[in-house]
PDB file of N, CA and C in Angstrom:
ATOM      1  N   UNK A   1      97.782 118.968 171.465  1.00  0.00           N
ATOM      2  CA  UNK A   1      96.308 118.991 171.859  1.00  0.00           C
ATOM      3  C   UNK A   1      95.861 120.056 172.185  1.00  0.00           C
ATOM      4  N   UNK A   2      94.848 121.060 171.837  1.00  0.00           N
ATOM      5  CA  UNK A   2      94.531 122.229 172.195  1.00  0.00           C
ATOM      6  C   UNK A   2      93.146 122.116 172.834  1.00  0.00           C
ATOM      7  N   UNK A   3      92.698 123.420 173.692  1.00  0.00           N
ATOM      8  CA  UNK A   3      91.250 123.256 174.367  1.00  0.00           C
ATOM      9  C   UNK A   3      90.673 124.866 173.936  1.00  0.00           C
ATOM     10  N   UNK A   4      89.441 124.542 173.502  1.00  0.00           N
ATOM     11  CA  UNK A   4      88.895 125.948 173.150  1.00  0.00           C
ATOM     12  C   UNK A   4      88.735 126.734 174.348  1.00  0.00           C
ATOM     13  N   UNK A   5      88.799 127.860 173.974  1.00  0.00           N
ATOM     14  CA  UNK A   5      89.144 129.355 174.776  1.00  0.00           C
ATOM     15  C   UNK A   5      87.620 129.426 175.005  1.00  0.00           C
ATOM     16  N   UNK A   6      87.351 129.885 176.486  1.00  0.00           N
ATOM     17  CA  UNK A   6      85.836 130.364 176.747  1.00  0.00           C
ATOM     18  C   UNK A   6      86.116 132.076 176.299  1.00  0.00           C
ATOM     19  N   UNK A   7      85.174 132.366 175.601  1.00  0.00           N
ATOM     20  CA  UNK A   7      85.044 133.960 175.371  1.00  0.00           C
ATOM     21  C   UNK A   7      84.375 134.935 176.457  1.00  0.00           C
ATOM     22  N   UNK A   8      84.847 135.896 176.845  1.00  0.00           N
ATOM     23  CA  UNK A   8      84.386 136.940 177.535  1.00  0.00           C
ATOM     24  C   UNK A   8      83.507 137.692 176.893  1.00  0.00           C
ATOM     25  N   UNK A   9      82.033 137.709 177.491  1.00  0.00           N
ATOM     26  CA  UNK A   9      81.325 138.629 177.216  1.00  0.00           C
ATOM     27  C   UNK A   9      80.273 139.571 178.073  1.00  0.00           C
ATOM     28  N   UNK A  10      80.347 140.488 177.250  1.00  0.00           N
ATOM     29  CA  UNK A  10      79.684 141.772 178.140  1.00  0.00           C
ATOM     30  C   UNK A  10      78.272 142.488 177.677  1.00  0.00           C
ATOM     31  N   UNK A  11      77.368 142.641 178.161  1.00  0.00           N
ATOM     32  CA  UNK A  11      75.761 143.286 177.885  1.00  0.00           C
ATOM     33  C   UNK A  11      76.203 144.723 177.778  1.00  0.00           C
ATOM     34  N   UNK A  12      75.869 145.693 176.802  1.00  0.00           N
ATOM     35  CA  UNK A  12      76.137 146.560 176.644  1.00  0.00           C
ATOM     36  C   UNK A  12      74.780 147.168 175.771  1.00  0.00           C
ATOM     37  N   UNK A  13      74.594 148.372 175.360  1.00  0.00           N
ATOM     38  CA  UNK A  13      73.717 149.409 174.536  1.00  0.00           C
ATOM     39  C   UNK A  13      74.455 150.063 173.435  1.00  0.00           C
ATOM     40  N   UNK A  14      73.760 150.260 172.238  1.00  0.00           N
ATOM     41  CA  UNK A  14      74.564 150.911 171.035  1.00  0.00           C
ATOM     42  C   UNK A  14      74.041 152.504 171.601  1.00  0.00           C
ATOM     43  N   UNK A  15      75.053 153.292 171.375  1.00  0.00           N
ATOM     44  CA  UNK A  15      74.888 154.652 171.385  1.00  0.00           C
ATOM     45  C   UNK A  15      74.836 155.258 170.023  1.00  0.00           C
ATOM     46  N   UNK A  16      75.937 155.187 169.223  1.00  0.00           N
ATOM     47  CA  UNK A  16      75.720 155.689 167.822  1.00  0.00           C
ATOM     48  C   UNK A  16      76.337 154.636 167.031  1.00  0.00           C
ATOM     49  N   UNK A  17      75.836 154.945 165.923  1.00  0.00           N
ATOM     50  CA  UNK A  17      76.805 154.296 164.275  1.00  0.00           C
ATOM     51  C   UNK A  17      77.243 155.582 163.484  1.00  0.00           C
ATOM     52  N   UNK A  18      78.375 155.638 163.686  1.00  0.00           N
ATOM     53  CA  UNK A  18      78.726 156.225 162.473  1.00  0.00           C
ATOM     54  C   UNK A  18      79.843 156.086 161.388  1.00  0.00           C
ATOM     55  N   UNK A  19      79.255 155.620 160.155  1.00  0.00           N
ATOM     56  CA  UNK A  19      79.824 155.025 159.098  1.00  0.00           C
ATOM     57  C   UNK A  19      80.288 153.590 159.761  1.00  0.00           C
ATOM     58  N   UNK A  20      81.836 153.439 159.911  1.00  0.00           N
ATOM     59  CA  UNK A  20      82.278 152.021 159.957  1.00  0.00           C
ATOM     60  C   UNK A  20      82.628 151.988 161.441  1.00  0.00           C
ATOM     61  N   UNK A  21      82.113 152.808 162.507  1.00  0.00           N
ATOM     62  CA  UNK A  21      82.338 153.057 163.825  1.00  0.00           C
ATOM     63  C   UNK A  21      81.070 152.480 164.831  1.00  0.00           C
ATOM     64  N   UNK A  22      81.032 151.835 165.661  1.00  0.00           N
ATOM     65  CA  UNK A  22      80.038 151.662 166.708  1.00  0.00           C
ATOM     66  C   UNK A  22      80.339 152.602 168.105  1.00  0.00           C
ATOM     67  N   UNK A  23      79.654 153.081 168.742  1.00  0.00           N
ATOM     68  CA  UNK A  23      80.152 154.022 170.099  1.00  0.00           C
ATOM     69  C   UNK A  23      78.959 153.293 170.638  1.00  0.00           C
ATOM     70  N   UNK A  24      79.458 152.627 172.043  1.00  0.00           N
ATOM     71  CA  UNK A  24      78.560 151.820 172.736  1.00  0.00           C
ATOM     72  C   UNK A  24      78.026 153.061 173.804  1.00  0.00           C
ATOM     73  N   UNK A  25      76.932 152.534 174.711  1.00  0.00           N
ATOM     74  CA  UNK A  25      76.315 153.613 176.151  1.00  0.00           C
ATOM     75  C   UNK A  25      77.776 153.682 177.110  1.00  0.00           C
ATOM     76  N   UNK A  26      78.451 152.522 177.300  1.00  0.00           N
ATOM     77  CA  UNK A  26      79.807 152.305 177.942  1.00  0.00           C
ATOM     78  C   UNK A  26      81.043 153.193 177.584  1.00  0.00           C
ATOM     79  N   UNK A  27      81.036 154.034 176.565  1.00  0.00           N
ATOM     80  CA  UNK A  27      82.028 154.609 175.678  1.00  0.00           C
ATOM     81  C   UNK A  27      82.893 153.965 175.163  1.00  0.00           C
ATOM     82  N   UNK A  28      82.979 153.064 174.791  1.00  0.00           N
ATOM     83  CA  UNK A  28      83.730 151.962 174.147  1.00  0.00           C
ATOM     84  C   UNK A  28      83.444 152.280 172.811  1.00  0.00           C
ATOM     85  N   UNK A  29      84.621 152.007 171.972  1.00  0.00           N
ATOM     86  CA  UNK A  29      84.113 152.256 170.373  1.00  0.00           C
ATOM     87  C   UNK A  29      85.124 151.273 169.557  1.00  0.00           C
ATOM     88  N   UNK A  30      84.001 150.913 168.802  1.00  0.00           N
ATOM     89  CA  UNK A  30      84.588 149.587 167.837  1.00  0.00           C
ATOM     90  C   UNK A  30      84.610 149.883 166.619  1.00  0.00           C
ATOM     91  N   UNK A  31      85.481 149.616 166.049  1.00  0.00           N
ATOM     92  CA  UNK A  31      85.627 149.569 164.447  1.00  0.00           C
ATOM     93  C   UNK A  31      85.351 148.550 163.704  1.00  0.00           C
ATOM     94  N   UNK A  32      84.201 148.499 162.771  1.00  0.00           N
ATOM     95  CA  UNK A  32      83.784 147.156 161.965  1.00  0.00           C
ATOM     96  C   UNK A  32      84.956 146.713 161.186  1.00  0.00           C
ATOM     97  N   UNK A  33      84.948 145.396 161.236  1.00  0.00           N
ATOM     98  CA  UNK A  33      85.706 144.413 160.333  1.00  0.00           C
ATOM     99  C   UNK A  33      84.826 144.155 159.080  1.00  0.00           C
ATOM    100  N   UNK A  34      83.684 143.944 159.458  1.00  0.00           N
ATOM    101  CA  UNK A  34      82.688 143.585 158.312  1.00  0.00           C
ATOM    102  C   UNK A  34      81.928 144.710 157.301  1.00  0.00           C
ATOM    103  N   UNK A  35      81.281 144.627 156.575  1.00  0.00           N
ATOM    104  CA  UNK A  35      80.568 145.288 155.858  1.00  0.00           C
ATOM    105  C   UNK A  35      79.717 146.239 156.492  1.00  0.00           C
ATOM    106  N   UNK A  36      79.990 147.850 156.381  1.00  0.00           N
ATOM    107  CA  UNK A  36      79.243 148.763 157.284  1.00  0.00           C
ATOM    108  C   UNK A  36      77.790 148.357 157.011  1.00  0.00           C
ATOM    109  N   UNK A  37      77.284 148.160 155.993  1.00  0.00           N
ATOM    110  CA  UNK A  37      75.756 147.851 155.445  1.00  0.00           C
ATOM    111  C   UNK A  37      75.325 147.473 156.690  1.00  0.00           C
ATOM    112  N   UNK A  38      75.789 146.349 157.025  1.00  0.00           N
ATOM    113  CA  UNK A  38      74.941 145.470 158.302  1.00  0.00           C
ATOM    114  C   UNK A  38      74.697 145.994 159.191  1.00  0.00           C
ATOM    115  N   UNK A  39      74.922 147.148 159.631  1.00  0.00           N
ATOM    116  CA  UNK A  39      74.749 147.921 160.764  1.00  0.00           C
ATOM    117  C   UNK A  39      73.773 149.158 160.298  1.00  0.00           C
ATOM    118  N   UNK A  40      73.334 149.310 159.075  1.00  0.00           N
ATOM    119  CA  UNK A  40      72.555 150.596 158.967  1.00  0.00           C
ATOM    120  C   UNK A  40      71.323 150.640 159.833  1.00  0.00           C
ATOM    121  N   UNK A  41      70.738 149.268 160.085  1.00  0.00           N
ATOM    122  CA  UNK A  41      69.259 149.391 160.903  1.00  0.00           C
ATOM    123  C   UNK A  41      69.374 149.476 162.215  1.00  0.00           C
ATOM    124  N   UNK A  42      70.810 149.485 162.443  1.00  0.00           N
ATOM    125  CA  UNK A  42      70.820 149.275 164.255  1.00  0.00           C
ATOM    126  C   UNK A  42      70.973 150.634 164.873  1.00  0.00           C
ATOM    127  N   UNK A  43      70.049 150.951 165.723  1.00  0.00           N
ATOM    128  CA  UNK A  43      69.342 151.472 166.383  1.00  0.00           C
ATOM    129  C   UNK A  43      69.977 151.994 167.884  1.00  0.00           C
ATOM    130  N   UNK A  44      70.293 153.359 168.210  1.00  0.00           N
ATOM    131  CA  UNK A  44      70.597 153.574 169.600  1.00  0.00           C
ATOM    132  C   UNK A  44      69.645 153.088 170.401  1.00  0.00           C
ATOM    133  N   UNK A  45      70.368 152.668 171.647  1.00  0.00           N
ATOM    134  CA  UNK A  45      69.370 152.214 172.762  1.00  0.00           C
ATOM    135  C   UNK A  45      69.572 150.443 172.552  1.00  0.00           C
ATOM    136  N   UNK A  46      69.799 150.109 171.182  1.00  0.00           N
ATOM    137  CA  UNK A  46      69.902 148.713 170.965  1.00  0.00           C
ATOM    138  C   UNK A  46      70.294 147.910 172.035  1.00  0.00           C
ATOM    139  N   UNK A  47      70.134 146.574 172.672  1.00  0.00           N
ATOM    140  CA  UNK A  47      70.706 145.953 173.223  1.00  0.00           C
ATOM    141  C   UNK A  47      71.714 145.249 172.665  1.00  0.00           C
ATOM    142  N   UNK A  48      72.895 144.931 172.920  1.00  0.00           N
ATOM    143  CA  UNK A  48      73.975 144.177 172.381  1.00  0.00           C
ATOM    144  C   UNK A  48      74.790 143.464 173.350  1.00  0.00           C
ATOM    145  N   UNK A  49      75.526 142.561 172.849  1.00  0.00           N
ATOM    146  CA  UNK A  49      76.350 141.781 173.762  1.00  0.00           C
ATOM    147  C   UNK A  49      77.753 141.406 172.900  1.00  0.00           C
ATOM    148  N   UNK A  50      78.708 141.737 173.955  1.00  0.00           N
ATOM    149  CA  UNK A  50      80.104 141.940 172.817  1.00  0.00           C
ATOM    150  C   UNK A  50      80.952 140.857 173.483  1.00  0.00           C
ATOM    151  N   UNK A  51      81.454 139.874 172.657  1.00  0.00           N
ATOM    152  CA  UNK A  51      82.199 138.891 173.133  1.00  0.00           C
ATOM    153  C   UNK A  51      83.609 138.908 172.297  1.00  0.00           C
ATOM    154  N   UNK A  52      84.655 138.582 173.181  1.00  0.00           N
ATOM    155  CA  UNK A  52      86.138 138.911 172.608  1.00  0.00           C
ATOM    156  C   UNK A  52      86.354 137.272 171.865  1.00  0.00           C
ATOM    157  N   UNK A  53      87.252 137.614 170.795  1.00  0.00           N
ATOM    158  CA  UNK A  53      87.450 136.393 169.981  1.00  0.00           C
ATOM    159  C   UNK A  53      89.047 136.276 169.545  1.00  0.00           C
ATOM    160  N   UNK A  54      89.470 135.245 169.347  1.00  0.00           N
ATOM    161  CA  UNK A  54      90.766 135.270 168.870  1.00  0.00           C
ATOM    162  C   UNK A  54      90.649 134.485 167.755  1.00  0.00           C
ATOM    163  N   UNK A  55      91.588 135.370 166.714  1.00  0.00           N
ATOM    164  CA  UNK A  55      91.032 134.642 165.335  1.00  0.00           C
ATOM    165  C   UNK A  55      91.983 135.572 164.108  1.00  0.00           C
ATOM    166  N   UNK A  56      91.807 135.137 162.602  1.00  0.00           N
ATOM    167  CA  UNK A  56      92.869 135.789 161.530  1.00  0.00           C
ATOM    168  C   UNK A  56      92.071 137.103 161.264  1.00  0.00           C
ATOM    169  N   UNK A  57      92.251 138.127 161.212  1.00  0.00           N
ATOM    170  CA  UNK A  57      92.405 139.252 160.900  1.00  0.00           C
ATOM    171  C   UNK A  57      93.771 139.907 159.747  1.00  0.00           C
ATOM    172  N   UNK A  58      93.108 139.915 159.148  1.00  0.00           N
ATOM    173  CA  UNK A  58      93.907 140.357 157.980  1.00  0.00           C
ATOM    174  C   UNK A  58      95.313 139.576 158.010  1.00  0.00           C
ATOM    175  N   UNK A  59      95.422 138.392 157.611  1.00  0.00           N
ATOM    176  CA  UNK A  59      96.093 137.263 157.889  1.00  0.00           C
ATOM    177  C   UNK A  59      97.141 137.408 158.967  1.00  0.00           C
ATOM    178  N   UNK A  60      96.534 137.990 160.441  1.00  0.00           N
ATOM    179  CA  UNK A  60      97.332 138.012 161.811  1.00  0.00           C
ATOM    180  C   UNK A  60      96.580 137.413 162.624  1.00  0.00           C
ATOM    181  N   UNK A  61      96.984 136.667 163.643  1.00  0.00           N
ATOM    182  CA  UNK A  61      96.047 136.075 165.058  1.00  0.00           C
ATOM    183  C   UNK A  61      96.099 137.533 165.625  1.00  0.00           C
ATOM    184  N   UNK A  62      94.634 137.941 165.675  1.00  0.00           N
ATOM    185  CA  UNK A  62      94.018 139.426 166.315  1.00  0.00           C
ATOM    186  C   UNK A  62      92.899 138.565 167.311  1.00  0.00           C
ATOM    187  N   UNK A  63      92.523 139.825 168.386  1.00  0.00           N
ATOM    188  CA  UNK A  63      91.618 139.603 169.311  1.00  0.00           C
ATOM    189  C   UNK A  63      90.788 140.872 168.733  1.00  0.00           C
ATOM    190  N   UNK A  64      89.684 140.179 168.429  1.00  0.00           N
ATOM    191  CA  UNK A  64      88.729 140.816 167.720  1.00  0.00           C
ATOM    192  C   UNK A  64      87.482 140.755 168.562  1.00  0.00           C
ATOM    193  N   UNK A  65      86.401 141.491 168.129  1.00  0.00           N
ATOM    194  CA  UNK A  65      84.749 141.165 168.780  1.00  0.00           C
ATOM    195  C   UNK A  65      83.719 140.983 168.171  1.00  0.00           C
ATOM    196  N   UNK A  66      83.096 139.851 168.710  1.00  0.00           N
ATOM    197  CA  UNK A  66      81.793 139.666 167.977  1.00  0.00           C
ATOM    198  C   UNK A  66      80.658 140.742 168.751  1.00  0.00           C
ATOM    199  N   UNK A  67      80.025 141.315 167.710  1.00  0.00           N
ATOM    200  CA  UNK A  67      78.641 142.182 168.506  1.00  0.00           C
ATOM    201  C   UNK A  67      77.679 141.387 167.975  1.00  0.00           C
ATOM    202  N   UNK A  68      77.004 141.291 168.899  1.00  0.00           N
ATOM    203  CA  UNK A  68      75.338 140.847 168.620  1.00  0.00           C
ATOM    204  C   UNK A  68      74.621 141.438 169.034  1.00  0.00           C
ATOM    205  N   UNK A  69      73.416 142.478 167.978  1.00  0.00           N
ATOM    206  CA  UNK A  69      72.570 142.955 167.955  1.00  0.00           C
ATOM    207  C   UNK A  69      71.425 142.237 169.123  1.00  0.00           C
ATOM    208  N   UNK A  70      70.799 142.256 170.002  1.00  0.00           N
ATOM    209  CA  UNK A  70      69.962 141.414 170.479  1.00  0.00           C
ATOM    210  C   UNK A  70      68.292 141.730 169.722  1.00  0.00           C
ATOM    211  N   UNK A  71      68.240 142.954 169.533  1.00  0.00           N
ATOM    212  CA  UNK A  71      66.901 143.691 169.037  1.00  0.00           C
ATOM    213  C   UNK A  71      66.804 143.490 167.292  1.00  0.00           C
ATOM    214  N   UNK A  72      68.399 143.108 166.792  1.00  0.00           N
ATOM    215  CA  UNK A  72      67.904 142.859 165.684  1.00  0.00           C
ATOM    216  C   UNK A  72      68.017 141.602 164.976  1.00  0.00           C
ATOM    217  N   UNK A  73      68.881 140.552 165.828  1.00  0.00           N
ATOM    218  CA  UNK A  73      69.331 139.223 165.978  1.00  0.00           C
ATOM    219  C   UNK A  73      70.478 139.648 164.583  1.00  0.00           C
ATOM    220  N   UNK A  74      71.443 139.809 164.929  1.00  0.00           N
ATOM    221  CA  UNK A  74      72.380 140.153 163.677  1.00  0.00           C
ATOM    222  C   UNK A  74      73.841 140.182 164.708  1.00  0.00           C
ATOM    223  N   UNK A  75      75.017 140.104 163.929  1.00  0.00           N
ATOM    224  CA  UNK A  75      76.208 139.952 164.604  1.00  0.00           C
ATOM    225  C   UNK A  75      77.285 140.317 163.429  1.00  0.00           C
ATOM    226  N   UNK A  76      78.094 141.060 164.082  1.00  0.00           N
ATOM    227  CA  UNK A  76      79.024 141.626 162.976  1.00  0.00           C
ATOM    228  C   UNK A  76      80.760 141.651 163.983  1.00  0.00           C
ATOM    229  N   UNK A  77      81.827 141.476 163.589  1.00  0.00           N
ATOM    230  CA  UNK A  77      83.063 141.438 163.850  1.00  0.00           C
ATOM    231  C   UNK A  77      83.949 142.946 163.903  1.00  0.00           C
ATOM    232  N   UNK A  78      84.507 143.256 165.095  1.00  0.00           N
ATOM    233  CA  UNK A  78      84.777 144.521 165.094  1.00  0.00           C
ATOM    234  C   UNK A  78      86.339 144.325 165.729  1.00  0.00           C
ATOM    235  N   UNK A  79      86.782 145.145 165.977  1.00  0.00           N
ATOM    236  CA  UNK A  79      88.311 145.874 166.697  1.00  0.00           C
ATOM    237  C   UNK A  79      88.011 147.069 167.068  1.00  0.00           C
ATOM    238  N   UNK A  80      88.462 146.761 168.954  1.00  0.00           N
ATOM    239  CA  UNK A  80      88.217 147.813 169.483  1.00  0.00           C
ATOM    240  C   UNK A  80      88.858 148.750 169.369  1.00  0.00           C
ATOM    241  N   UNK A  81      88.606 150.222 169.618  1.00  0.00           N
ATOM    242  CA  UNK A  81      89.037 151.566 169.409  1.00  0.00           C
ATOM    243  C   UNK A  81      89.459 152.058 170.360  1.00  0.00           C
ATOM    244  N   UNK A  82      88.689 152.069 171.337  1.00  0.00           N
ATOM    245  CA  UNK A  82      88.762 152.955 172.787  1.00  0.00           C
ATOM    246  C   UNK A  82      88.028 152.013 173.495  1.00  0.00           C
TER     247      UNK A  82
END
């Protein structure tokens, strides 16, 4: 029997979108797992919520992040680079 894990979420702001990389105001950098076209219209200073998740990434159980753009009402999955 297992219990659902609670995810840890933080609020941040988007500083820059560079191809498949998102840089936050906090200087955290995330590499997109989803199609990079999903963030084409994400603008700097957009409010985001970043929640850690555990799931299957490239057939491996990994920690990844759901990044929710509160201004665009969109979500993408990403791996933390730094």
